[in-house]
Amino acid sequence: MNGPEIQLSVAPELHVFVASARREGAVGLVTDGASTLGHVVESLGIPLTEAGPALVDGRPVPFSHIPAEGESVEVRGVARPQRVPGAPLRFLLDVHLGTLARRLRLLGIDAAYESEDIGDPALATRSATERRVMLSRDRGLLRRREIWAGAYIYSDRPDDQLRDVLERFAPTLTPWTRCTACNGVLGPADKDAVREVLERGTERTYDVFAQCASCERVYWRGAHHTRLAAIVEEAVREFGHHAAA
C-alpha cells in the first residue's frame, strides 16, 4: 500500500492476534487511504469482536473512521464485563466447543450448539436470526458481518474457556435448570412417570428426578454428580451468587 502512514498500538490482550513485530508500543503502518479503521484492524488479524474502544489522537472514533496521515491510533480491548444490549443473553457455539456448551448449560445458561459442521454462513445466519452471541476459536467466522455478536474463545482448555465466558459476559447462573444434551428446560419429574426409562439399579437407588421438556431426557444425581457439582460450585463461588440446587 502507498498511502497515509499512521502510528498504531493495540492492547496487550490483543497481541495474540498480531505479528510479534507489532506487539510492543506504537508501530508505523501504511494504509491505502480508503479503508476504514475496522478494515485496518481486521487486516492485522484482530476480529472486531475482540476490539474495544478505538482512539485517534486520544479521542474516541468509530471503526468506520478512515485513518489519515500522521494519526496516532490506539485500539483497546473489550471492557469486562461486556454488556450485550437488546436481547436476553444467549450463546451459539460451533462444532469445536461441545464441552464448553455442556458446561454452560449445566449452569443454566442458554447455549445452543451445533454438533456437526454446518459451515460458517449457516452459523452466522443463526446467530443473527436468534440474536445469539457466537462463541468460536475461528477468527474467520467471527469476521462475518452478519453475526449478531461474537466472542473469540482464547483457550483450548474447557476449564479456562468456561472461566473466560463467565468473566466476560457475567451471565446469570441458574444451575441444574437446563438439559446438557439439548439445551431444553428441566422440570421436576415424578418417579412413576419416568420409571419405564430407568434401569433397575437407578430405580431402586434414587427418588428425585428431573426431565427435559424438549427431548424428555431424565436426570438424577448419579455417579457423575460429584464431578459436575464441583464445576457448578466453583463457577458459582467465583462468578455468581446462586446456590447450587
C-alpha atoms as a PDB file:
ATOM      1  CA  MET A   1       0.000   0.000   0.000  1.00  0.00           C
ATOM      2  CA  ASN A   2       1.131   3.543  -0.702  1.00  0.00           C
ATOM      3  CA  GLY A   3      -0.987   5.877   1.366  1.00  0.00           C
ATOM      4  CA  PRO A   4      -1.215   7.628   4.729  1.00  0.00           C
ATOM      5  CA  GLU A   5       1.038   6.313   7.489  1.00  0.00           C
ATOM      6  CA  ILE A   6      -0.404   6.051  10.974  1.00  0.00           C
ATOM      7  CA  GLN A   7       1.012   5.064  14.346  1.00  0.00           C
ATOM      8  CA  LEU A   8      -0.962   2.109  15.697  1.00  0.00           C
ATOM      9  CA  SER A   9      -0.891   0.453  19.115  1.00  0.00           C
ATOM     10  CA  VAL A  10      -3.106  -2.351  20.386  1.00  0.00           C
ATOM     11  CA  ALA A  11      -3.982  -3.533  23.896  1.00  0.00           C
ATOM     12  CA  PRO A  12      -1.814  -6.324  25.353  1.00  0.00           C
ATOM     13  CA  GLU A  13      -4.711  -8.799  25.302  1.00  0.00           C
ATOM     14  CA  LEU A  14      -4.884  -8.377  21.517  1.00  0.00           C
ATOM     15  CA  HIS A  15      -1.230  -9.270  20.966  1.00  0.00           C
ATOM     16  CA  VAL A  16      -2.166 -12.906  20.414  1.00  0.00           C
ATOM     17  CA  PHE A  17      -3.701 -11.894  17.078  1.00  0.00           C
ATOM     18  CA  VAL A  18      -0.896  -9.785  15.621  1.00  0.00           C
ATOM     19  CA  ALA A  19       2.615 -10.428  14.389  1.00  0.00           C
ATOM     20  CA  SER A  20       5.289 -10.148  17.069  1.00  0.00           C
ATOM     21  CA  ALA A  21       6.872  -7.120  15.383  1.00  0.00           C
ATOM     22  CA  ARG A  22       3.699  -5.117  16.027  1.00  0.00           C
ATOM     23  CA  ARG A  23       3.109  -6.058  19.641  1.00  0.00           C
ATOM     24  CA  GLU A  24       5.207  -3.568  21.563  1.00  0.00           C
ATOM     25  CA  GLY A  25       4.261   0.108  21.605  1.00  0.00           C
ATOM     26  CA  ALA A  26       3.084   2.120  18.619  1.00  0.00           C
ATOM     27  CA  VAL A  27       4.287   0.978  15.206  1.00  0.00           C
ATOM     28  CA  GLY A  28       4.127   2.678  11.844  1.00  0.00           C
ATOM     29  CA  LEU A  29       1.519   1.292   9.469  1.00  0.00           C
ATOM     30  CA  VAL A  30       0.914   2.445   5.902  1.00  0.00           C
ATOM     31  CA  THR A  31      -2.763   2.344   4.879  1.00  0.00           C
ATOM     32  CA  ASP A  32      -4.397   2.746   1.482  1.00  0.00           C
ATOM     33  CA  GLY A  33      -6.223   5.969   2.370  1.00  0.00           C
ATOM     34  CA  ALA A  34      -9.654   4.461   1.663  1.00  0.00           C
ATOM     35  CA  SER A  35     -10.094   1.553   4.078  1.00  0.00           C
ATOM     36  CA  THR A  36     -11.862   2.061   7.388  1.00  0.00           C
ATOM     37  CA  LEU A  37     -10.125   1.641  10.712  1.00  0.00           C
ATOM     38  CA  GLY A  38     -12.152  -1.540  11.197  1.00  0.00           C
ATOM     39  CA  HIS A  39     -10.724  -2.987   7.994  1.00  0.00           C
ATOM     40  CA  VAL A  40      -7.198  -1.998   9.047  1.00  0.00           C
ATOM     41  CA  VAL A  41      -7.652  -3.699  12.428  1.00  0.00           C
ATOM     42  CA  GLU A  42      -9.005  -6.862  10.820  1.00  0.00           C
ATOM     43  CA  SER A  43      -6.135  -6.903   8.310  1.00  0.00           C
ATOM     44  CA  LEU A  44      -3.800  -7.296  11.297  1.00  0.00           C
ATOM     45  CA  GLY A  45      -5.678 -10.457  12.304  1.00  0.00           C
ATOM     46  CA  ILE A  46      -7.809  -8.949  15.086  1.00  0.00           C
ATOM     47  CA  PRO A  47     -11.530  -9.855  14.953  1.00  0.00           C
ATOM     48  CA  LEU A  48     -13.610  -6.755  15.644  1.00  0.00           C
ATOM     49  CA  THR A  49     -15.482  -8.770  18.270  1.00  0.00           C
ATOM     50  CA  GLU A  50     -12.288  -8.502  20.356  1.00  0.00           C
ATOM     51  CA  ALA A  51     -11.581  -4.814  19.712  1.00  0.00           C
ATOM     52  CA  GLY A  52     -12.893  -2.384  22.277  1.00  0.00           C
ATOM     53  CA  PRO A  53     -12.853   1.411  22.002  1.00  0.00           C
ATOM     54  CA  ALA A  54     -10.643   2.974  19.332  1.00  0.00           C
ATOM     55  CA  LEU A  55      -8.945   6.295  19.971  1.00  0.00           C
ATOM     56  CA  VAL A  56      -7.416   8.609  17.393  1.00  0.00           C
ATOM     57  CA  ASP A  57      -5.104  11.200  18.910  1.00  0.00           C
ATOM     58  CA  GLY A  58      -6.815  10.478  22.222  1.00  0.00           C
ATOM     59  CA  ARG A  59     -10.420  10.924  21.059  1.00  0.00           C
ATOM     60  CA  PRO A  60     -12.922   8.086  20.540  1.00  0.00           C
ATOM     61  CA  VAL A  61     -13.792   7.240  16.936  1.00  0.00           C
ATOM     62  CA  PRO A  62     -15.996   4.574  15.329  1.00  0.00           C
ATOM     63  CA  PHE A  63     -14.408   1.772  13.352  1.00  0.00           C
ATOM     64  CA  SER A  64     -15.902   3.374  10.238  1.00  0.00           C
ATOM     65  CA  HIS A  65     -13.309   6.148  10.616  1.00  0.00           C
ATOM     66  CA  ILE A  66     -10.828   6.356   7.724  1.00  0.00           C
ATOM     67  CA  PRO A  67      -7.319   6.925   9.110  1.00  0.00           C
ATOM     68  CA  ALA A  68      -5.448   9.987   7.902  1.00  0.00           C
ATOM     69  CA  GLU A  69      -1.757  10.756   7.611  1.00  0.00           C
ATOM     70  CA  GLY A  70       0.062  11.048  10.924  1.00  0.00           C
ATOM     71  CA  GLU A  71      -2.786   9.943  13.162  1.00  0.00           C
ATOM     72  CA  SER A  72      -1.992   8.083  16.347  1.00  0.00           C
ATOM     73  CA  VAL A  73      -4.437   5.198  16.745  1.00  0.00           C
ATOM     74  CA  GLU A  74      -4.947   3.156  19.899  1.00  0.00           C
ATOM     75  CA  VAL A  75      -7.138   0.042  19.910  1.00  0.00           C
ATOM     76  CA  ARG A  76      -8.179  -1.121  23.346  1.00  0.00           C
ATOM     77  CA  GLY A  77      -9.618  -4.465  24.411  1.00  0.00           C
ATOM     78  CA  VAL A  78     -13.244  -5.211  25.168  1.00  0.00           C
ATOM     79  CA  ALA A  79     -14.384  -3.960  28.568  1.00  0.00           C
ATOM     80  CA  ARG A  80     -15.334  -6.677  31.034  1.00  0.00           C
ATOM     81  CA  PRO A  81     -17.997  -7.499  31.930  1.00  0.00           C
ATOM     82  CA  GLN A  82     -19.218  -6.960  28.387  1.00  0.00           C
ATOM     83  CA  ARG A  83     -22.860  -5.953  28.112  1.00  0.00           C
ATOM     84  CA  VAL A  84     -24.813  -7.246  25.122  1.00  0.00           C
ATOM     85  CA  PRO A  85     -27.789  -4.919  24.609  1.00  0.00           C
ATOM     86  CA  GLY A  86     -31.171  -5.583  23.098  1.00  0.00           C
ATOM     87  CA  ALA A  87     -31.810  -9.270  23.819  1.00  0.00           C
ATOM     88  CA  PRO A  88     -31.612 -11.875  26.570  1.00  0.00           C
ATOM     89  CA  LEU A  89     -28.043 -13.156  26.811  1.00  0.00           C
ATOM     90  CA  ARG A  90     -27.884 -16.317  24.733  1.00  0.00           C
ATOM     91  CA  PHE A  91     -24.977 -18.093  23.089  1.00  0.00           C
ATOM     92  CA  LEU A  92     -24.269 -20.156  19.979  1.00  0.00           C
ATOM     93  CA  LEU A  93     -21.201 -22.403  19.915  1.00  0.00           C
ATOM     94  CA  ASP A  94     -19.549 -24.008  16.930  1.00  0.00           C
ATOM     95  CA  VAL A  95     -18.765 -27.688  16.476  1.00  0.00           C
ATOM     96  CA  HIS A  96     -15.430 -27.496  18.319  1.00  0.00           C
ATOM     97  CA  LEU A  97     -16.857 -26.252  21.640  1.00  0.00           C
ATOM     98  CA  GLY A  98     -19.098 -29.110  22.751  1.00  0.00           C
ATOM     99  CA  THR A  99     -17.631 -29.414  26.249  1.00  0.00           C
ATOM    100  CA  LEU A 100     -17.999 -25.683  26.852  1.00  0.00           C
ATOM    101  CA  ALA A 101     -21.613 -25.828  25.648  1.00  0.00           C
ATOM    102  CA  ARG A 102     -22.456 -28.608  28.096  1.00  0.00           C
ATOM    103  CA  ARG A 103     -20.834 -26.731  30.985  1.00  0.00           C
ATOM    104  CA  LEU A 104     -22.706 -23.535  30.185  1.00  0.00           C
ATOM    105  CA  ARG A 105     -25.965 -25.493  30.117  1.00  0.00           C
ATOM    106  CA  LEU A 106     -25.025 -27.119  33.413  1.00  0.00           C
ATOM    107  CA  LEU A 107     -25.024 -23.600  34.866  1.00  0.00           C
ATOM    108  CA  GLY A 108     -28.424 -22.822  33.375  1.00  0.00           C
ATOM    109  CA  ILE A 109     -27.093 -20.641  30.542  1.00  0.00           C
ATOM    110  CA  ASP A 110     -28.870 -20.741  27.186  1.00  0.00           C
ATOM    111  CA  ALA A 111     -26.187 -22.231  24.943  1.00  0.00           C
ATOM    112  CA  ALA A 112     -27.132 -23.570  21.518  1.00  0.00           C
ATOM    113  CA  TYR A 113     -24.543 -25.862  19.964  1.00  0.00           C
ATOM    114  CA  GLU A 114     -24.027 -27.328  16.511  1.00  0.00           C
ATOM    115  CA  SER A 115     -22.695 -30.885  16.862  1.00  0.00           C
ATOM    116  CA  GLU A 116     -21.983 -31.021  13.130  1.00  0.00           C
ATOM    117  CA  ASP A 117     -20.034 -28.619  10.948  1.00  0.00           C
ATOM    118  CA  ILE A 118     -22.841 -26.738   9.195  1.00  0.00           C
ATOM    119  CA  GLY A 119     -20.488 -24.093   7.779  1.00  0.00           C
ATOM    120  CA  ASP A 120     -19.723 -20.516   8.700  1.00  0.00           C
ATOM    121  CA  PRO A 121     -22.562 -18.912   6.679  1.00  0.00           C
ATOM    122  CA  ALA A 122     -25.210 -21.022   8.424  1.00  0.00           C
ATOM    123  CA  LEU A 123     -23.738 -20.342  11.868  1.00  0.00           C
ATOM    124  CA  ALA A 124     -23.592 -16.603  11.211  1.00  0.00           C
ATOM    125  CA  THR A 125     -27.177 -16.624   9.973  1.00  0.00           C
ATOM    126  CA  ARG A 126     -28.374 -18.466  13.068  1.00  0.00           C
ATOM    127  CA  SER A 127     -26.525 -16.004  15.299  1.00  0.00           C
ATOM    128  CA  ALA A 128     -28.319 -13.134  13.569  1.00  0.00           C
ATOM    129  CA  THR A 129     -31.746 -14.779  13.393  1.00  0.00           C
ATOM    130  CA  GLU A 130     -31.804 -15.931  17.022  1.00  0.00           C
ATOM    131  CA  ARG A 131     -29.752 -12.970  18.344  1.00  0.00           C
ATOM    132  CA  ARG A 132     -27.153 -15.193  19.945  1.00  0.00           C
ATOM    133  CA  VAL A 133     -23.559 -14.362  20.807  1.00  0.00           C
ATOM    134  CA  MET A 134     -21.366 -16.508  18.563  1.00  0.00           C
ATOM    135  CA  LEU A 135     -18.567 -18.224  20.513  1.00  0.00           C
ATOM    136  CA  SER A 136     -15.751 -19.650  18.432  1.00  0.00           C
ATOM    137  CA  ARG A 137     -11.994 -20.097  18.056  1.00  0.00           C
ATOM    138  CA  ASP A 138     -12.417 -19.494  14.307  1.00  0.00           C
ATOM    139  CA  ARG A 139     -11.331 -15.921  13.564  1.00  0.00           C
ATOM    140  CA  GLY A 140     -12.756 -16.099  10.054  1.00  0.00           C
ATOM    141  CA  LEU A 141     -16.201 -16.938  11.377  1.00  0.00           C
ATOM    142  CA  LEU A 142     -16.091 -14.023  13.810  1.00  0.00           C
ATOM    143  CA  ARG A 143     -15.244 -11.658  10.951  1.00  0.00           C
ATOM    144  CA  ARG A 144     -18.507 -12.392   9.147  1.00  0.00           C
ATOM    145  CA  ARG A 145     -20.580  -9.219   9.082  1.00  0.00           C
ATOM    146  CA  GLU A 146     -23.921 -10.963   9.557  1.00  0.00           C
ATOM    147  CA  ILE A 147     -23.244 -12.382  13.033  1.00  0.00           C
ATOM    148  CA  TRP A 148     -25.271 -10.575  15.694  1.00  0.00           C
ATOM    149  CA  ALA A 149     -22.470 -10.546  18.266  1.00  0.00           C
ATOM    150  CA  GLY A 150     -19.435 -12.720  18.877  1.00  0.00           C
ATOM    151  CA  ALA A 151     -16.512 -13.557  21.089  1.00  0.00           C
ATOM    152  CA  TYR A 152     -13.257 -15.362  20.484  1.00  0.00           C
ATOM    153  CA  ILE A 153     -12.509 -18.279  22.821  1.00  0.00           C
ATOM    154  CA  TYR A 154      -8.855 -17.843  23.681  1.00  0.00           C
ATOM    155  CA  SER A 155      -8.041 -21.195  25.297  1.00  0.00           C
ATOM    156  CA  ASP A 156      -8.424 -24.788  24.175  1.00  0.00           C
ATOM    157  CA  ARG A 157      -8.912 -25.941  27.796  1.00  0.00           C
ATOM    158  CA  PRO A 158     -12.590 -26.276  28.856  1.00  0.00           C
ATOM    159  CA  ASP A 159     -11.908 -25.001  32.396  1.00  0.00           C
ATOM    160  CA  ASP A 160     -10.298 -21.835  31.055  1.00  0.00           C
ATOM    161  CA  GLN A 161     -12.940 -21.450  28.340  1.00  0.00           C
ATOM    162  CA  LEU A 162     -15.749 -21.501  30.889  1.00  0.00           C
ATOM    163  CA  ARG A 163     -13.992 -19.042  33.175  1.00  0.00           C
ATOM    164  CA  ASP A 164     -13.359 -16.703  30.241  1.00  0.00           C
ATOM    165  CA  VAL A 165     -17.019 -16.648  29.149  1.00  0.00           C
ATOM    166  CA  LEU A 166     -18.318 -16.176  32.701  1.00  0.00           C
ATOM    167  CA  GLU A 167     -15.874 -13.351  33.378  1.00  0.00           C
ATOM    168  CA  ARG A 168     -16.501 -11.623  30.055  1.00  0.00           C
ATOM    169  CA  PHE A 169     -20.304 -11.714  29.964  1.00  0.00           C
ATOM    170  CA  ALA A 170     -21.307 -12.166  33.627  1.00  0.00           C
ATOM    171  CA  PRO A 171     -24.397 -14.279  32.789  1.00  0.00           C
ATOM    172  CA  THR A 172     -26.953 -15.148  35.453  1.00  0.00           C
ATOM    173  CA  LEU A 173     -26.246 -18.616  36.819  1.00  0.00           C
ATOM    174  CA  THR A 174     -29.183 -20.949  37.488  1.00  0.00           C
ATOM    175  CA  PRO A 175     -27.508 -24.366  37.843  1.00  0.00           C
ATOM    176  CA  TRP A 176     -29.292 -27.633  37.099  1.00  0.00           C
ATOM    177  CA  THR A 177     -32.103 -25.975  35.102  1.00  0.00           C
ATOM    178  CA  ARG A 178     -31.098 -26.898  31.533  1.00  0.00           C
ATOM    179  CA  CYS A 179     -30.620 -30.138  29.672  1.00  0.00           C
ATOM    180  CA  THR A 180     -26.928 -30.615  28.948  1.00  0.00           C
ATOM    181  CA  ALA A 181     -27.821 -32.695  25.894  1.00  0.00           C
ATOM    182  CA  CYS A 182     -30.198 -30.376  24.022  1.00  0.00           C
ATOM    183  CA  ASN A 183     -30.355 -27.060  25.943  1.00  0.00           C
ATOM    184  CA  GLY A 184     -34.018 -27.564  26.851  1.00  0.00           C
ATOM    185  CA  VAL A 185     -35.505 -26.518  30.182  1.00  0.00           C
ATOM    186  CA  LEU A 186     -35.589 -29.061  33.022  1.00  0.00           C
ATOM    187  CA  GLY A 187     -38.513 -29.580  35.354  1.00  0.00           C
ATOM    188  CA  PRO A 188     -39.207 -31.959  38.233  1.00  0.00           C
ATOM    189  CA  ALA A 189     -40.332 -35.443  37.195  1.00  0.00           C
ATOM    190  CA  ASP A 190     -42.436 -37.904  39.142  1.00  0.00           C
ATOM    191  CA  LYS A 191     -40.643 -41.212  39.614  1.00  0.00           C
ATOM    192  CA  ASP A 192     -43.634 -43.207  38.468  1.00  0.00           C
ATOM    193  CA  ALA A 193     -43.842 -41.176  35.266  1.00  0.00           C
ATOM    194  CA  VAL A 194     -40.241 -41.923  34.264  1.00  0.00           C
ATOM    195  CA  ARG A 195     -39.929 -45.416  35.756  1.00  0.00           C
ATOM    196  CA  GLU A 196     -40.029 -47.161  32.385  1.00  0.00           C
ATOM    197  CA  VAL A 197     -36.839 -45.456  31.174  1.00  0.00           C
ATOM    198  CA  LEU A 198     -34.853 -46.182  34.345  1.00  0.00           C
ATOM    199  CA  GLU A 199     -32.508 -49.072  34.837  1.00  0.00           C
ATOM    200  CA  ARG A 200     -33.382 -51.306  37.766  1.00  0.00           C
ATOM    201  CA  GLY A 201     -30.471 -50.139  39.910  1.00  0.00           C
ATOM    202  CA  THR A 202     -31.324 -46.486  39.314  1.00  0.00           C
ATOM    203  CA  GLU A 203     -34.979 -47.097  40.152  1.00  0.00           C
ATOM    204  CA  ARG A 204     -34.030 -48.689  43.470  1.00  0.00           C
ATOM    205  CA  THR A 205     -31.416 -46.131  44.461  1.00  0.00           C
ATOM    206  CA  TYR A 206     -32.831 -42.719  43.520  1.00  0.00           C
ATOM    207  CA  ASP A 207     -36.109 -40.936  44.161  1.00  0.00           C
ATOM    208  CA  VAL A 208     -35.565 -37.399  42.857  1.00  0.00           C
ATOM    209  CA  PHE A 209     -35.632 -36.856  39.104  1.00  0.00           C
ATOM    210  CA  ALA A 210     -35.795 -34.059  36.548  1.00  0.00           C
ATOM    211  CA  GLN A 211     -36.831 -34.275  32.912  1.00  0.00           C
ATOM    212  CA  CYS A 212     -36.152 -32.134  29.860  1.00  0.00           C
ATOM    213  CA  ALA A 213     -39.264 -30.530  28.419  1.00  0.00           C
ATOM    214  CA  SER A 214     -37.778 -30.731  24.910  1.00  0.00           C
ATOM    215  CA  CYS A 215     -36.039 -34.096  24.479  1.00  0.00           C
ATOM    216  CA  GLU A 216     -37.557 -35.830  27.570  1.00  0.00           C
ATOM    217  CA  ARG A 217     -34.174 -36.964  28.836  1.00  0.00           C
ATOM    218  CA  VAL A 218     -34.308 -37.898  32.529  1.00  0.00           C
ATOM    219  CA  TYR A 219     -31.749 -36.697  35.080  1.00  0.00           C
ATOM    220  CA  TRP A 220     -30.860 -37.779  38.599  1.00  0.00           C
ATOM    221  CA  ARG A 221     -27.895 -37.359  40.948  1.00  0.00           C
ATOM    222  CA  GLY A 222     -25.974 -40.376  39.781  1.00  0.00           C
ATOM    223  CA  ALA A 223     -22.329 -41.372  39.690  1.00  0.00           C
ATOM    224  CA  HIS A 224     -21.194 -38.242  37.829  1.00  0.00           C
ATOM    225  CA  HIS A 225     -22.982 -35.779  40.091  1.00  0.00           C
ATOM    226  CA  THR A 226     -19.997 -35.142  42.368  1.00  0.00           C
ATOM    227  CA  ARG A 227     -17.776 -34.123  39.446  1.00  0.00           C
ATOM    228  CA  LEU A 228     -20.463 -31.913  37.918  1.00  0.00           C
ATOM    229  CA  ALA A 229     -21.311 -30.382  41.289  1.00  0.00           C
ATOM    230  CA  ALA A 230     -17.665 -29.370  41.697  1.00  0.00           C
ATOM    231  CA  ILE A 231     -17.808 -27.466  38.380  1.00  0.00           C
ATOM    232  CA  VAL A 232     -21.019 -25.758  39.447  1.00  0.00           C
ATOM    233  CA  GLU A 233     -19.792 -24.855  42.918  1.00  0.00           C
ATOM    234  CA  GLU A 234     -16.557 -23.341  41.610  1.00  0.00           C
ATOM    235  CA  ALA A 235     -18.400 -21.263  38.997  1.00  0.00           C
ATOM    236  CA  VAL A 236     -20.984 -20.010  41.489  1.00  0.00           C
ATOM    237  CA  ARG A 237     -18.314 -19.177  44.050  1.00  0.00           C
ATOM    238  CA  GLU A 238     -16.268 -17.155  41.570  1.00  0.00           C
ATOM    239  CA  PHE A 239     -18.865 -15.640  39.253  1.00  0.00           C
ATOM    240  CA  GLY A 240     -22.331 -15.817  40.790  1.00  0.00           C
ATOM    241  CA  HIS A 241     -24.447 -15.657  43.875  1.00  0.00           C
ATOM    242  CA  HIS A 242     -26.811 -18.513  43.078  1.00  0.00           C
ATOM    243  CA  ALA A 243     -26.522 -21.587  45.245  1.00  0.00           C
ATOM    244  CA  ALA A 244     -26.397 -24.949  43.500  1.00  0.00           C
ATOM    245  CA  ALA A 245     -29.548 -26.999  43.801  1.00  0.00           C
END
